[in-house]
């Protein structure tokens, strides 16, 4: 099982020493920074090739003025 911990800078050394005291804990440095907070909609849409292509195409349509305005039904 893998866990990712976000630890304040001033506590990192203490937590590292604490975890190293357990023989069954393997510490592996993370090669990329951990994501903070929830992923926003644009970041989600840009995360896959297909979604990114669709989003960029839609943005280009908006820039060219090729948009359709639709009214939402009243409830």
Protein backbone atom coordinates (compact mmCIF):
# COMPACT_ATOMS: atom_id res chain seq x y z
CA UNK A 1 0.00 0.00 0.00
CA UNK A 2 1.31 3.46 -0.87
CA UNK A 3 0.61 6.74 0.87
CA UNK A 4 1.50 10.29 -0.02
CA UNK A 5 1.97 12.66 2.89
CA UNK A 6 2.12 16.42 2.69
CA UNK A 7 4.21 17.60 5.62
CA UNK A 8 5.14 21.18 6.51
CA UNK A 9 8.80 21.97 5.78
CA UNK A 10 9.65 22.52 9.44
CA UNK A 11 8.39 19.00 10.35
CA UNK A 12 9.81 16.97 7.46
CA UNK A 13 13.07 15.90 9.11
CA UNK A 14 11.28 14.78 12.28
CA UNK A 15 8.70 12.74 10.33
CA UNK A 16 11.42 11.17 8.15
CA UNK A 17 13.40 10.05 11.23
CA UNK A 18 10.25 8.72 12.85
CA UNK A 19 9.27 6.66 9.80
CA UNK A 20 12.80 5.32 9.33
CA UNK A 21 12.57 3.80 12.82
CA UNK A 22 10.11 1.24 11.43
CA UNK A 23 11.83 -1.54 9.49
CA UNK A 24 8.74 -2.21 7.35
CA UNK A 25 8.47 1.39 6.07
CA UNK A 26 10.21 2.14 2.78
CA UNK A 27 10.73 5.83 2.08
CA UNK A 28 10.94 6.73 -1.59
CA UNK A 29 11.54 10.36 -2.55
CA UNK A 30 8.82 11.76 -4.77
CA UNK A 31 10.11 12.85 -8.16
CA UNK A 32 7.33 15.34 -8.87
CA UNK A 33 5.62 17.76 -6.53
CA UNK A 34 2.36 16.57 -5.01
CA UNK A 35 -0.81 18.21 -6.22
CA UNK A 36 -2.38 20.58 -3.79
CA UNK A 37 -6.10 20.84 -3.48
CA UNK A 38 -8.71 19.60 -5.87
CA UNK A 39 -8.21 19.59 -9.60
CA UNK A 40 -10.12 22.40 -11.29
CA UNK A 41 -12.30 21.79 -14.34
CA UNK A 42 -9.81 23.16 -16.89
CA UNK A 43 -6.98 21.09 -15.42
CA UNK A 44 -9.19 17.99 -15.60
CA UNK A 45 -10.15 18.66 -19.20
CA UNK A 46 -6.51 19.19 -20.18
CA UNK A 47 -5.39 15.96 -18.45
CA UNK A 48 -6.15 13.63 -21.37
CA UNK A 49 -5.39 14.04 -25.05
CA UNK A 50 -9.01 13.64 -26.19
CA UNK A 51 -10.41 16.09 -23.67
CA UNK A 52 -7.60 18.57 -24.36
CA UNK A 53 -8.30 18.46 -28.11
CA UNK A 54 -12.03 19.01 -27.55
CA UNK A 55 -11.45 21.90 -25.15
CA UNK A 56 -8.96 23.61 -27.46
CA UNK A 57 -11.31 23.15 -30.44
CA UNK A 58 -14.17 24.69 -28.46
CA UNK A 59 -11.97 27.62 -27.44
CA UNK A 60 -11.00 28.19 -31.08
CA UNK A 61 -14.69 28.16 -32.09
CA UNK A 62 -15.42 30.80 -29.46
CA UNK A 63 -12.54 32.97 -30.71
CA UNK A 64 -13.89 32.71 -34.28
CA UNK A 65 -17.39 33.63 -33.08
CA UNK A 66 -18.80 30.23 -34.03
CA UNK A 67 -20.86 29.77 -30.89
CA UNK A 68 -24.47 28.88 -30.27
CA UNK A 69 -26.38 30.36 -27.37
CA UNK A 70 -28.96 28.06 -25.83
CA UNK A 71 -31.51 28.94 -23.17
CA UNK A 72 -31.85 26.47 -20.31
CA UNK A 73 -35.41 25.32 -19.73
CA UNK A 74 -37.13 27.02 -16.81
CA UNK A 75 -37.90 24.69 -13.92
